[in-house]
Amino acid sequence: MSRIDPRYEVVSPNSQEELQALLEEKWPDRRVPAHEFHQLIQMNTLDMSILKSHLGCNRAWYNTHELAEWLWKRSNYYDDDE
């Protein structure tokens, strides 16, 4: 069984807005460096391709709103909202 790194806290946002607020805690200027985000969530090549197909290729950064929307719509929480 994999253990959670003690540097991290498990969070469970209840809305896209809460998810965006969490992203803005880490990136208060609302700009998320693309390479940093990819590394942080350990994206593989397929995940990056899917993200780029939705948010655009050759991006140096994403804004917190678009990332929150993209992540939320692909989560189990979003499915529960429907």
PDB file of N, CA and C in Angstrom:
ATOM      1  N   MET A   1       0.836  -1.183   0.000  1.00  0.00           N
ATOM      2  CA  MET A   1       0.000   0.000   0.000  1.00  0.00           C
ATOM      3  C   MET A   1       0.882   1.247   0.000  1.00  0.00           C
ATOM      4  N   SER A   2       0.527   2.181  -0.826  1.00  0.00           N
ATOM      5  CA  SER A   2       1.275   3.431  -0.951  1.00  0.00           C
ATOM      6  C   SER A   2       0.896   4.376   0.189  1.00  0.00           C
ATOM      7  N   ARG A   3       1.895   5.029   0.750  1.00  0.00           N
ATOM      8  CA  ARG A   3       1.641   5.988   1.824  1.00  0.00           C
ATOM      9  C   ARG A   3       1.673   7.399   1.257  1.00  0.00           C
ATOM     10  N   ILE A   4       0.867   8.251   1.827  1.00  0.00           N
ATOM     11  CA  ILE A   4       0.835   9.649   1.412  1.00  0.00           C
ATOM     12  C   ILE A   4       2.029  10.362   2.028  1.00  0.00           C
ATOM     13  N   ASP A   5       2.715  11.113   1.215  1.00  0.00           N
ATOM     14  CA  ASP A   5       3.856  11.893   1.685  1.00  0.00           C
ATOM     15  C   ASP A   5       3.373  12.839   2.787  1.00  0.00           C
ATOM     16  N   PRO A   6       4.026  12.847   3.949  1.00  0.00           N
ATOM     17  CA  PRO A   6       3.556  13.692   5.061  1.00  0.00           C
ATOM     18  C   PRO A   6       3.597  15.190   4.771  1.00  0.00           C
ATOM     19  N   ARG A   7       4.260  15.587   3.696  1.00  0.00           N
ATOM     20  CA  ARG A   7       4.276  17.015   3.349  1.00  0.00           C
ATOM     21  C   ARG A   7       2.950  17.456   2.755  1.00  0.00           C
ATOM     22  N   TYR A   8       2.112  16.495   2.369  1.00  0.00           N
ATOM     23  CA  TYR A   8       0.863  16.816   1.688  1.00  0.00           C
ATOM     24  C   TYR A   8      -0.339  16.518   2.567  1.00  0.00           C
ATOM     25  N   GLU A   9      -1.395  17.247   2.331  1.00  0.00           N
ATOM     26  CA  GLU A   9      -2.647  17.068   3.049  1.00  0.00           C
ATOM     27  C   GLU A   9      -3.700  16.628   2.038  1.00  0.00           C
ATOM     28  N   VAL A  10      -4.482  15.622   2.385  1.00  0.00           N
ATOM     29  CA  VAL A  10      -5.556  15.169   1.509  1.00  0.00           C
ATOM     30  C   VAL A  10      -6.698  16.172   1.623  1.00  0.00           C
ATOM     31  N   VAL A  11      -7.182  16.649   0.488  1.00  0.00           N
ATOM     32  CA  VAL A  11      -8.295  17.599   0.467  1.00  0.00           C
ATOM     33  C   VAL A  11      -9.410  17.028  -0.393  1.00  0.00           C
ATOM     34  N   SER A  12     -10.610  17.472  -0.122  1.00  0.00           N
ATOM     35  CA  SER A  12     -11.766  16.996  -0.867  1.00  0.00           C
ATOM     36  C   SER A  12     -12.680  18.182  -1.176  1.00  0.00           C
ATOM     37  N   PRO A  13     -12.377  18.913  -2.249  1.00  0.00           N
ATOM     38  CA  PRO A  13     -13.203  20.076  -2.585  1.00  0.00           C
ATOM     39  C   PRO A  13     -14.621  19.642  -2.964  1.00  0.00           C
ATOM     40  N   ASN A  14     -15.580  20.497  -2.651  1.00  0.00           N
ATOM     41  CA  ASN A  14     -16.981  20.194  -2.930  1.00  0.00           C
ATOM     42  C   ASN A  14     -17.528  20.923  -4.145  1.00  0.00           C
ATOM     43  N   SER A  15     -16.708  21.748  -4.766  1.00  0.00           N
ATOM     44  CA  SER A  15     -17.160  22.481  -5.949  1.00  0.00           C
ATOM     45  C   SER A  15     -15.938  22.909  -6.763  1.00  0.00           C
ATOM     46  N   GLN A  16     -16.215  23.310  -7.984  1.00  0.00           N
ATOM     47  CA  GLN A  16     -15.144  23.825  -8.841  1.00  0.00           C
ATOM     48  C   GLN A  16     -14.532  25.074  -8.217  1.00  0.00           C
ATOM     49  N   GLU A  17     -15.356  25.883  -7.572  1.00  0.00           N
ATOM     50  CA  GLU A  17     -14.867  27.105  -6.940  1.00  0.00           C
ATOM     51  C   GLU A  17     -13.903  26.789  -5.797  1.00  0.00           C
ATOM     52  N   GLU A  18     -14.223  25.759  -5.008  1.00  0.00           N
ATOM     53  CA  GLU A  18     -13.313  25.358  -3.928  1.00  0.00           C
ATOM     54  C   GLU A  18     -11.999  24.833  -4.495  1.00  0.00           C
ATOM     55  N   LEU A  19     -12.085  24.095  -5.584  1.00  0.00           N
ATOM     56  CA  LEU A  19     -10.875  23.588  -6.227  1.00  0.00           C
ATOM     57  C   LEU A  19     -10.024  24.753  -6.727  1.00  0.00           C
ATOM     58  N   GLN A  20     -10.664  25.740  -7.324  1.00  0.00           N
ATOM     59  CA  GLN A  20      -9.931  26.913  -7.795  1.00  0.00           C
ATOM     60  C   GLN A  20      -9.279  27.641  -6.619  1.00  0.00           C
ATOM     61  N   ALA A  21      -9.982  27.757  -5.504  1.00  0.00           N
ATOM     62  CA  ALA A  21      -9.411  28.411  -4.315  1.00  0.00           C
ATOM     63  C   ALA A  21      -8.187  27.651  -3.810  1.00  0.00           C
ATOM     64  N   LEU A  22      -8.220  26.331  -3.864  1.00  0.00           N
ATOM     65  CA  LEU A  22      -7.059  25.529  -3.462  1.00  0.00           C
ATOM     66  C   LEU A  22      -5.873  25.789  -4.387  1.00  0.00           C
ATOM     67  N   LEU A  23      -6.144  25.858  -5.685  1.00  0.00           N
ATOM     68  CA  LEU A  23      -5.074  26.156  -6.638  1.00  0.00           C
ATOM     69  C   LEU A  23      -4.490  27.541  -6.368  1.00  0.00           C
ATOM     70  N   GLU A  24      -5.349  28.485  -6.005  1.00  0.00           N
ATOM     71  CA  GLU A  24      -4.893  29.854  -5.761  1.00  0.00           C
ATOM     72  C   GLU A  24      -4.124  29.987  -4.442  1.00  0.00           C
ATOM     73  N   GLU A  25      -4.280  29.028  -3.536  1.00  0.00           N
ATOM     74  CA  GLU A  25      -3.430  29.018  -2.342  1.00  0.00           C
ATOM     75  C   GLU A  25      -1.987  28.743  -2.741  1.00  0.00           C
ATOM     76  N   LYS A  26      -1.807  27.841  -3.692  1.00  0.00           N
ATOM     77  CA  LYS A  26      -0.453  27.496  -4.146  1.00  0.00           C
ATOM     78  C   LYS A  26       0.074  28.537  -5.126  1.00  0.00           C
ATOM     79  N   TRP A  27      -0.799  29.042  -5.990  1.00  0.00           N
ATOM     80  CA  TRP A  27      -0.401  30.020  -7.007  1.00  0.00           C
ATOM     81  C   TRP A  27      -1.284  31.266  -6.864  1.00  0.00           C
ATOM     82  N   PRO A  28      -0.983  32.152  -5.895  1.00  0.00           N
ATOM     83  CA  PRO A  28      -1.840  33.311  -5.626  1.00  0.00           C
ATOM     84  C   PRO A  28      -1.953  34.303  -6.785  1.00  0.00           C
ATOM     85  N   ASP A  29      -1.002  34.281  -7.701  1.00  0.00           N
ATOM     86  CA  ASP A  29      -1.102  35.187  -8.849  1.00  0.00           C
ATOM     87  C   ASP A  29      -1.982  34.605  -9.955  1.00  0.00           C
ATOM     88  N   ARG A  30      -2.565  33.423  -9.691  1.00  0.00           N
ATOM     89  CA  ARG A  30      -3.502  32.742 -10.597  1.00  0.00           C
ATOM     90  C   ARG A  30      -2.858  32.251 -11.886  1.00  0.00           C
ATOM     91  N   ARG A  31      -1.534  32.222 -11.919  1.00  0.00           N
ATOM     92  CA  ARG A  31      -0.798  31.704 -13.078  1.00  0.00           C
ATOM     93  C   ARG A  31      -0.037  30.462 -12.636  1.00  0.00           C
ATOM     94  N   VAL A  32      -0.345  29.343 -13.274  1.00  0.00           N
ATOM     95  CA  VAL A  32       0.270  28.068 -12.916  1.00  0.00           C
ATOM     96  C   VAL A  32       1.263  27.695 -14.014  1.00  0.00           C
ATOM     97  N   PRO A  33       2.556  27.656 -13.713  1.00  0.00           N
ATOM     98  CA  PRO A  33       3.530  27.250 -14.726  1.00  0.00           C
ATOM     99  C   PRO A  33       3.213  25.827 -15.210  1.00  0.00           C
ATOM    100  N   ALA A  34       3.093  25.664 -16.512  1.00  0.00           N
ATOM    101  CA  ALA A  34       2.691  24.373 -17.080  1.00  0.00           C
ATOM    102  C   ALA A  34       3.626  23.251 -16.655  1.00  0.00           C
ATOM    103  N   HIS A  35       4.933  23.456 -16.786  1.00  0.00           N
ATOM    104  CA  HIS A  35       5.880  22.388 -16.444  1.00  0.00           C
ATOM    105  C   HIS A  35       5.799  22.023 -14.966  1.00  0.00           C
ATOM    106  N   GLU A  36       5.575  23.015 -14.112  1.00  0.00           N
ATOM    107  CA  GLU A  36       5.461  22.761 -12.670  1.00  0.00           C
ATOM    108  C   GLU A  36       4.208  21.940 -12.363  1.00  0.00           C
ATOM    109  N   PHE A  37       3.100  22.284 -13.019  1.00  0.00           N
ATOM    110  CA  PHE A  37       1.854  21.543 -12.818  1.00  0.00           C
ATOM    111  C   PHE A  37       2.000  20.102 -13.292  1.00  0.00           C
ATOM    112  N   HIS A  38       2.594  19.917 -14.464  1.00  0.00           N
ATOM    113  CA  HIS A  38       2.790  18.565 -15.002  1.00  0.00           C
ATOM    114  C   HIS A  38       3.615  17.718 -14.042  1.00  0.00           C
ATOM    115  N   GLN A  39       4.678  18.292 -13.496  1.00  0.00           N
ATOM    116  CA  GLN A  39       5.540  17.561 -12.563  1.00  0.00           C
ATOM    117  C   GLN A  39       4.840  17.314 -11.231  1.00  0.00           C
ATOM    118  N   LEU A  40       4.109  18.298 -10.745  1.00  0.00           N
ATOM    119  CA  LEU A  40       3.458  18.192  -9.446  1.00  0.00           C
ATOM    120  C   LEU A  40       2.480  17.023  -9.395  1.00  0.00           C
ATOM    121  N   ILE A  41       1.685  16.869 -10.433  1.00  0.00           N
ATOM    122  CA  ILE A  41       0.719  15.771 -10.417  1.00  0.00           C
ATOM    123  C   ILE A  41       1.221  14.558 -11.190  1.00  0.00           C
ATOM    124  N   GLN A  42       2.499  14.573 -11.523  1.00  0.00           N
ATOM    125  CA  GLN A  42       3.170  13.441 -12.165  1.00  0.00           C
ATOM    126  C   GLN A  42       2.417  12.968 -13.414  1.00  0.00           C
ATOM    127  N   MET A  43       2.172  13.911 -14.316  1.00  0.00           N
ATOM    128  CA  MET A  43       1.461  13.592 -15.552  1.00  0.00           C
ATOM    129  C   MET A  43       2.332  12.755 -16.470  1.00  0.00           C
ATOM    130  N   ASN A  44       1.725  11.722 -17.036  1.00  0.00           N
ATOM    131  CA  ASN A  44       2.438  10.950 -18.046  1.00  0.00           C
ATOM    132  C   ASN A  44       2.170  11.585 -19.411  1.00  0.00           C
ATOM    133  N   THR A  45       2.771  11.047 -20.434  1.00  0.00           N
ATOM    134  CA  THR A  45       2.666  11.629 -21.778  1.00  0.00           C
ATOM    135  C   THR A  45       1.221  11.678 -22.264  1.00  0.00           C
ATOM    136  N   LEU A  46       0.452  10.633 -22.004  1.00  0.00           N
ATOM    137  CA  LEU A  46      -0.945  10.607 -22.432  1.00  0.00           C
ATOM    138  C   LEU A  46      -1.754  11.685 -21.713  1.00  0.00           C
ATOM    139  N   ASP A  47      -1.570  11.797 -20.390  1.00  0.00           N
ATOM    140  CA  ASP A  47      -2.276  12.831 -19.626  1.00  0.00           C
ATOM    141  C   ASP A  47      -1.954  14.228 -20.159  1.00  0.00           C
ATOM    142  N   MET A  48      -0.674  14.474 -20.445  1.00  0.00           N
ATOM    143  CA  MET A  48      -0.276  15.788 -20.971  1.00  0.00           C
ATOM    144  C   MET A  48      -0.910  16.041 -22.331  1.00  0.00           C
ATOM    145  N   SER A  49      -0.995  15.017 -23.158  1.00  0.00           N
ATOM    146  CA  SER A  49      -1.613  15.173 -24.478  1.00  0.00           C
ATOM    147  C   SER A  49      -3.084  15.527 -24.346  1.00  0.00           C
ATOM    148  N   ILE A  50      -3.773  14.879 -23.422  1.00  0.00           N
ATOM    149  CA  ILE A  50      -5.194  15.171 -23.205  1.00  0.00           C
ATOM    150  C   ILE A  50      -5.364  16.597 -22.698  1.00  0.00           C
ATOM    151  N   LEU A  51      -4.554  16.983 -21.726  1.00  0.00           N
ATOM    152  CA  LEU A  51      -4.618  18.348 -21.194  1.00  0.00           C
ATOM    153  C   LEU A  51      -4.354  19.366 -22.296  1.00  0.00           C
ATOM    154  N   LYS A  52      -3.314  19.135 -23.080  1.00  0.00           N
ATOM    155  CA  LYS A  52      -2.961  20.068 -24.155  1.00  0.00           C
ATOM    156  C   LYS A  52      -4.044  20.132 -25.222  1.00  0.00           C
ATOM    157  N   SER A  53      -4.731  19.016 -25.484  1.00  0.00           N
ATOM    158  CA  SER A  53      -5.789  19.036 -26.496  1.00  0.00           C
ATOM    159  C   SER A  53      -6.977  19.876 -26.036  1.00  0.00           C
ATOM    160  N   HIS A  54      -7.169  19.990 -24.737  1.00  0.00           N
ATOM    161  CA  HIS A  54      -8.275  20.791 -24.217  1.00  0.00           C
ATOM    162  C   HIS A  54      -7.896  22.242 -23.934  1.00  0.00           C
ATOM    163  N   LEU A  55      -6.671  22.453 -23.455  1.00  0.00           N
ATOM    164  CA  LEU A  55      -6.284  23.806 -23.043  1.00  0.00           C
ATOM    165  C   LEU A  55      -5.288  24.472 -23.981  1.00  0.00           C
ATOM    166  N   GLY A  56      -4.810  23.745 -24.975  1.00  0.00           N
ATOM    167  CA  GLY A  56      -3.895  24.326 -25.947  1.00  0.00           C
ATOM    168  C   GLY A  56      -2.468  23.844 -25.792  1.00  0.00           C
ATOM    169  N   CYS A  57      -1.813  23.688 -26.915  1.00  0.00           N
ATOM    170  CA  CYS A  57      -0.415  23.233 -26.935  1.00  0.00           C
ATOM    171  C   CYS A  57       0.535  24.404 -26.698  1.00  0.00           C
ATOM    172  N   ASN A  58       1.753  24.065 -26.359  1.00  0.00           N
ATOM    173  CA  ASN A  58       2.833  25.050 -26.206  1.00  0.00           C
ATOM    174  C   ASN A  58       2.493  26.167 -25.227  1.00  0.00           C
ATOM    175  N   ARG A  59       1.827  25.804 -24.143  1.00  0.00           N
ATOM    176  CA  ARG A  59       1.478  26.783 -23.112  1.00  0.00           C
ATOM    177  C   ARG A  59       2.588  26.833 -22.078  1.00  0.00           C
ATOM    178  N   ALA A  60       2.988  28.018 -21.692  1.00  0.00           N
ATOM    179  CA  ALA A  60       3.982  28.181 -20.633  1.00  0.00           C
ATOM    180  C   ALA A  60       3.304  28.179 -19.262  1.00  0.00           C
ATOM    181  N   TRP A  61       2.022  28.539 -19.233  1.00  0.00           N
ATOM    182  CA  TRP A  61       1.285  28.584 -17.979  1.00  0.00           C
ATOM    183  C   TRP A  61      -0.206  28.406 -18.246  1.00  0.00           C
ATOM    184  N   TYR A  62      -0.937  28.058 -17.195  1.00  0.00           N
ATOM    185  CA  TYR A  62      -2.402  27.956 -17.227  1.00  0.00           C
ATOM    186  C   TYR A  62      -2.929  28.904 -16.160  1.00  0.00           C
ATOM    187  N   ASN A  63      -4.184  29.339 -16.303  1.00  0.00           N
ATOM    188  CA  ASN A  63      -4.748  30.115 -15.200  1.00  0.00           C
ATOM    189  C   ASN A  63      -5.542  29.171 -14.295  1.00  0.00           C
ATOM    190  N   THR A  64      -5.715  29.573 -13.051  1.00  0.00           N
ATOM    191  CA  THR A  64      -6.335  28.682 -12.066  1.00  0.00           C
ATOM    192  C   THR A  64      -7.784  28.360 -12.409  1.00  0.00           C
ATOM    193  N   HIS A  65      -8.484  29.285 -13.035  1.00  0.00           N
ATOM    194  CA  HIS A  65      -9.884  29.033 -13.392  1.00  0.00           C
ATOM    195  C   HIS A  65      -9.988  27.910 -14.416  1.00  0.00           C
ATOM    196  N   GLU A  66      -9.205  27.987 -15.476  1.00  0.00           N
ATOM    197  CA  GLU A  66      -9.313  26.956 -16.510  1.00  0.00           C
ATOM    198  C   GLU A  66      -8.838  25.596 -16.008  1.00  0.00           C
ATOM    199  N   LEU A  67      -7.808  25.582 -15.152  1.00  0.00           N
ATOM    200  CA  LEU A  67      -7.343  24.311 -14.589  1.00  0.00           C
ATOM    201  C   LEU A  67      -8.398  23.717 -13.665  1.00  0.00           C
ATOM    202  N   ALA A  68      -8.992  24.539 -12.811  1.00  0.00           N
ATOM    203  CA  ALA A  68     -10.033  24.049 -11.903  1.00  0.00           C
ATOM    204  C   ALA A  68     -11.204  23.485 -12.698  1.00  0.00           C
ATOM    205  N   GLU A  69     -11.612  24.183 -13.738  1.00  0.00           N
ATOM    206  CA  GLU A  69     -12.720  23.709 -14.571  1.00  0.00           C
ATOM    207  C   GLU A  69     -12.365  22.385 -15.233  1.00  0.00           C
ATOM    208  N   TRP A  70     -11.176  22.291 -15.808  1.00  0.00           N
ATOM    209  CA  TRP A  70     -10.738  21.073 -16.497  1.00  0.00           C
ATOM    210  C   TRP A  70     -10.665  19.898 -15.527  1.00  0.00           C
ATOM    211  N   LEU A  71     -10.054  20.120 -14.358  1.00  0.00           N
ATOM    212  CA  LEU A  71      -9.929  19.047 -13.364  1.00  0.00           C
ATOM    213  C   LEU A  71     -11.290  18.634 -12.811  1.00  0.00           C
ATOM    214  N   TRP A  72     -12.135  19.619 -12.505  1.00  0.00           N
ATOM    215  CA  TRP A  72     -13.436  19.323 -11.911  1.00  0.00           C
ATOM    216  C   TRP A  72     -14.305  18.504 -12.860  1.00  0.00           C
ATOM    217  N   LYS A  73     -14.319  18.870 -14.122  1.00  0.00           N
ATOM    218  CA  LYS A  73     -15.170  18.168 -15.087  1.00  0.00           C
ATOM    219  C   LYS A  73     -14.693  16.746 -15.366  1.00  0.00           C
ATOM    220  N   ARG A  74     -13.488  16.418 -14.945  1.00  0.00           N
ATOM    221  CA  ARG A  74     -12.970  15.069 -15.140  1.00  0.00           C
ATOM    222  C   ARG A  74     -12.924  14.279 -13.838  1.00  0.00           C
ATOM    223  N   SER A  75     -13.549  14.822 -12.808  1.00  0.00           N
ATOM    224  CA  SER A  75     -13.503  14.178 -11.491  1.00  0.00           C
ATOM    225  C   SER A  75     -14.786  13.398 -11.214  1.00  0.00           C
ATOM    226  N   ASN A  76     -14.708  12.540 -10.231  1.00  0.00           N
ATOM    227  CA  ASN A  76     -15.893  11.814  -9.779  1.00  0.00           C
ATOM    228  C   ASN A  76     -16.889  12.759  -9.128  1.00  0.00           C
ATOM    229  N   TYR A  77     -16.399  13.850  -8.543  1.00  0.00           N
ATOM    230  CA  TYR A  77     -17.280  14.811  -7.900  1.00  0.00           C
ATOM    231  C   TYR A  77     -18.207  15.465  -8.924  1.00  0.00           C
ATOM    232  N   TYR A  78     -17.679  15.777 -10.087  1.00  0.00           N
ATOM    233  CA  TYR A  78     -18.488  16.395 -11.138  1.00  0.00           C
ATOM    234  C   TYR A  78     -19.589  15.440 -11.570  1.00  0.00           C
ATOM    235  N   ASP A  79     -19.266  14.157 -11.692  1.00  0.00           N
ATOM    236  CA  ASP A  79     -20.269  13.160 -12.067  1.00  0.00           C
ATOM    237  C   ASP A  79     -21.410  13.129 -11.058  1.00  0.00           C
ATOM    238  N   ASP A  80     -21.103  13.330  -9.777  1.00  0.00           N
ATOM    239  CA  ASP A  80     -22.136  13.352  -8.741  1.00  0.00           C
ATOM    240  C   ASP A  80     -23.037  14.573  -8.867  1.00  0.00           C
ATOM    241  N   ASP A  81     -22.508  15.672  -9.408  1.00  0.00           N
ATOM    242  CA  ASP A  81     -23.292  16.900  -9.577  1.00  0.00           C
ATOM    243  C   ASP A  81     -24.367  16.750 -10.642  1.00  0.00           C
ATOM    244  N   GLU A  82     -24.126  15.900 -11.594  1.00  0.00           N
ATOM    245  CA  GLU A  82     -25.023  15.761 -12.743  1.00  0.00           C
ATOM    246  C   GLU A  82     -26.316  15.084 -12.370  1.00  0.00           C
TER     247      GLU A  82
END
